[in-house]
Amino acid sequence: MTTKLMALIFGVLGASASNVFAGETQITDTQEYSYSTKLDIAEVTMSPDLNFCGVRPVVMSYIDHMGKPHSLRYEASGNGCLGQN
């Protein structure tokens, strides 16, 4: 029974470590930004692609100071139409 328990523990630890080494983060849901939203951003992990013209919702992923991943949806103005009249 001890061998089975050890195999289970190493299997769980190995799966967790592979996610960390692969740079994967588990984001459960996307929060909608408002002016009253309190932000705690330690590191941006995914910036939105702003290569579009106009305003539309975009998503940014980040990690807070406690190491917890977050995803935030907000309206952004694209830079794809700069120089166009």
C-alpha atoms as a PDB file:
ATOM      1  CA  MET A   1       0.000   0.000   0.000  1.00  0.00           C
ATOM      2  CA  THR A   2       2.882   2.369   0.693  1.00  0.00           C
ATOM      3  CA  THR A   3       4.197   1.938  -2.856  1.00  0.00           C
ATOM      4  CA  LYS A   4       0.807   2.844  -4.350  1.00  0.00           C
ATOM      5  CA  LEU A   5       0.555   5.922  -2.123  1.00  0.00           C
ATOM      6  CA  MET A   6       4.047   7.076  -3.100  1.00  0.00           C
ATOM      7  CA  ALA A   7       3.242   6.562  -6.805  1.00  0.00           C
ATOM      8  CA  LEU A   8       0.084   8.629  -6.415  1.00  0.00           C
ATOM      9  CA  ILE A   9       1.935  11.452  -4.650  1.00  0.00           C
ATOM     10  CA  PHE A  10       4.711  11.545  -7.259  1.00  0.00           C
ATOM     11  CA  GLY A  11       2.127  11.451 -10.050  1.00  0.00           C
ATOM     12  CA  VAL A  12       0.287  14.459  -8.624  1.00  0.00           C
ATOM     13  CA  LEU A  13       3.512  16.372  -8.004  1.00  0.00           C
ATOM     14  CA  GLY A  14       4.754  15.585 -11.501  1.00  0.00           C
ATOM     15  CA  ALA A  15       1.543  16.842 -13.112  1.00  0.00           C
ATOM     16  CA  SER A  16       1.684  20.056 -11.094  1.00  0.00           C
ATOM     17  CA  ALA A  17       5.341  20.606 -11.902  1.00  0.00           C
ATOM     18  CA  SER A  18       4.762  20.084 -15.632  1.00  0.00           C
ATOM     19  CA  ASN A  19       2.167  22.867 -15.631  1.00  0.00           C
ATOM     20  CA  VAL A  20       4.569  25.191 -13.842  1.00  0.00           C
ATOM     21  CA  PHE A  21       7.497  24.370 -16.115  1.00  0.00           C
ATOM     22  CA  ALA A  22       5.340  24.761 -19.220  1.00  0.00           C
ATOM     23  CA  GLY A  23       4.417  28.257 -18.068  1.00  0.00           C
ATOM     24  CA  GLU A  24       0.730  27.418 -17.896  1.00  0.00           C
ATOM     25  CA  THR A  25      -1.554  29.323 -15.567  1.00  0.00           C
ATOM     26  CA  GLN A  26      -5.026  28.327 -14.540  1.00  0.00           C
ATOM     27  CA  ILE A  27      -7.399  31.268 -14.964  1.00  0.00           C
ATOM     28  CA  THR A  28     -10.887  30.413 -13.856  1.00  0.00           C
ATOM     29  CA  ASP A  29     -12.882  33.361 -15.186  1.00  0.00           C
ATOM     30  CA  THR A  30     -12.503  36.769 -16.793  1.00  0.00           C
ATOM     31  CA  GLN A  31     -13.323  39.824 -14.711  1.00  0.00           C
ATOM     32  CA  GLU A  32     -15.000  42.805 -16.370  1.00  0.00           C
ATOM     33  CA  TYR A  33     -13.108  46.045 -15.704  1.00  0.00           C
ATOM     34  CA  SER A  34     -14.862  49.138 -14.340  1.00  0.00           C
ATOM     35  CA  TYR A  35     -13.454  52.360 -12.932  1.00  0.00           C
ATOM     36  CA  SER A  36     -14.007  51.038  -9.405  1.00  0.00           C
ATOM     37  CA  THR A  37     -12.059  47.806 -10.048  1.00  0.00           C
ATOM     38  CA  LYS A  38      -9.116  47.457  -7.658  1.00  0.00           C
ATOM     39  CA  LEU A  39      -6.118  46.120  -9.560  1.00  0.00           C
ATOM     40  CA  ASP A  40      -3.126  44.284  -8.063  1.00  0.00           C
ATOM     41  CA  ILE A  41      -0.859  43.597 -11.034  1.00  0.00           C
ATOM     42  CA  ALA A  42       2.607  42.227 -10.305  1.00  0.00           C
ATOM     43  CA  GLU A  43       3.288  40.825 -13.785  1.00  0.00           C
ATOM     44  CA  VAL A  44       1.395  40.947 -17.074  1.00  0.00           C
ATOM     45  CA  THR A  45       1.431  37.472 -18.615  1.00  0.00           C
ATOM     46  CA  MET A  46      -0.559  38.210 -21.787  1.00  0.00           C
ATOM     47  CA  SER A  47      -1.069  41.611 -23.390  1.00  0.00           C
ATOM     48  CA  PRO A  48      -3.940  42.122 -25.832  1.00  0.00           C
ATOM     49  CA  ASP A  49      -3.326  42.438 -29.560  1.00  0.00           C
ATOM     50  CA  LEU A  50      -4.213  46.030 -30.446  1.00  0.00           C
ATOM     51  CA  ASN A  51      -3.747  45.629 -34.191  1.00  0.00           C
ATOM     52  CA  PHE A  52      -7.291  46.661 -35.095  1.00  0.00           C
ATOM     53  CA  CYS A  53      -9.106  49.881 -35.915  1.00  0.00           C
ATOM     54  CA  GLY A  54     -11.707  51.261 -33.523  1.00  0.00           C
ATOM     55  CA  VAL A  55     -12.725  50.353 -29.987  1.00  0.00           C
ATOM     56  CA  ARG A  56     -13.525  46.825 -28.844  1.00  0.00           C
ATOM     57  CA  PRO A  57     -13.210  44.586 -25.793  1.00  0.00           C
ATOM     58  CA  VAL A  58      -9.798  42.989 -25.212  1.00  0.00           C
ATOM     59  CA  VAL A  59      -8.446  40.631 -22.546  1.00  0.00           C
ATOM     60  CA  MET A  60      -5.259  40.961 -20.519  1.00  0.00           C
ATOM     61  CA  SER A  61      -3.922  38.221 -18.240  1.00  0.00           C
ATOM     62  CA  TYR A  62      -1.778  38.967 -15.209  1.00  0.00           C
ATOM     63  CA  ILE A  63      -0.498  37.638 -11.902  1.00  0.00           C
ATOM     64  CA  ASP A  64      -1.146  39.496  -8.655  1.00  0.00           C
ATOM     65  CA  HIS A  65       1.393  40.024  -5.834  1.00  0.00           C
ATOM     66  CA  MET A  66       0.246  36.792  -4.172  1.00  0.00           C
ATOM     67  CA  GLY A  67       0.986  34.777  -7.338  1.00  0.00           C
ATOM     68  CA  LYS A  68      -2.654  34.233  -8.309  1.00  0.00           C
ATOM     69  CA  PRO A  69      -3.455  34.506 -12.043  1.00  0.00           C
ATOM     70  CA  HIS A  70      -6.255  36.786 -13.273  1.00  0.00           C
ATOM     71  CA  SER A  71      -7.844  37.727 -16.567  1.00  0.00           C
ATOM     72  CA  LEU A  72      -9.369  41.147 -17.169  1.00  0.00           C
ATOM     73  CA  ARG A  73     -11.660  42.267 -20.022  1.00  0.00           C
ATOM     74  CA  TYR A  74     -11.803  45.974 -20.873  1.00  0.00           C
ATOM     75  CA  GLU A  75     -12.500  48.314 -23.798  1.00  0.00           C
ATOM     76  CA  ALA A  76      -9.429  49.432 -25.757  1.00  0.00           C
ATOM     77  CA  SER A  77      -8.756  51.582 -28.775  1.00  0.00           C
ATOM     78  CA  GLY A  78      -6.774  49.749 -31.424  1.00  0.00           C
ATOM     79  CA  ASN A  79      -3.796  51.230 -33.212  1.00  0.00           C
ATOM     80  CA  GLY A  80      -4.461  49.568 -36.579  1.00  0.00           C
ATOM     81  CA  CYS A  81      -5.965  52.667 -38.149  1.00  0.00           C
ATOM     82  CA  LEU A  82      -3.300  55.226 -37.228  1.00  0.00           C
ATOM     83  CA  GLY A  83      -2.543  57.540 -40.118  1.00  0.00           C
ATOM     84  CA  GLN A  84      -5.836  56.817 -41.880  1.00  0.00           C
ATOM     85  CA  ASN A  85      -8.209  59.722 -42.583  1.00  0.00           C
END
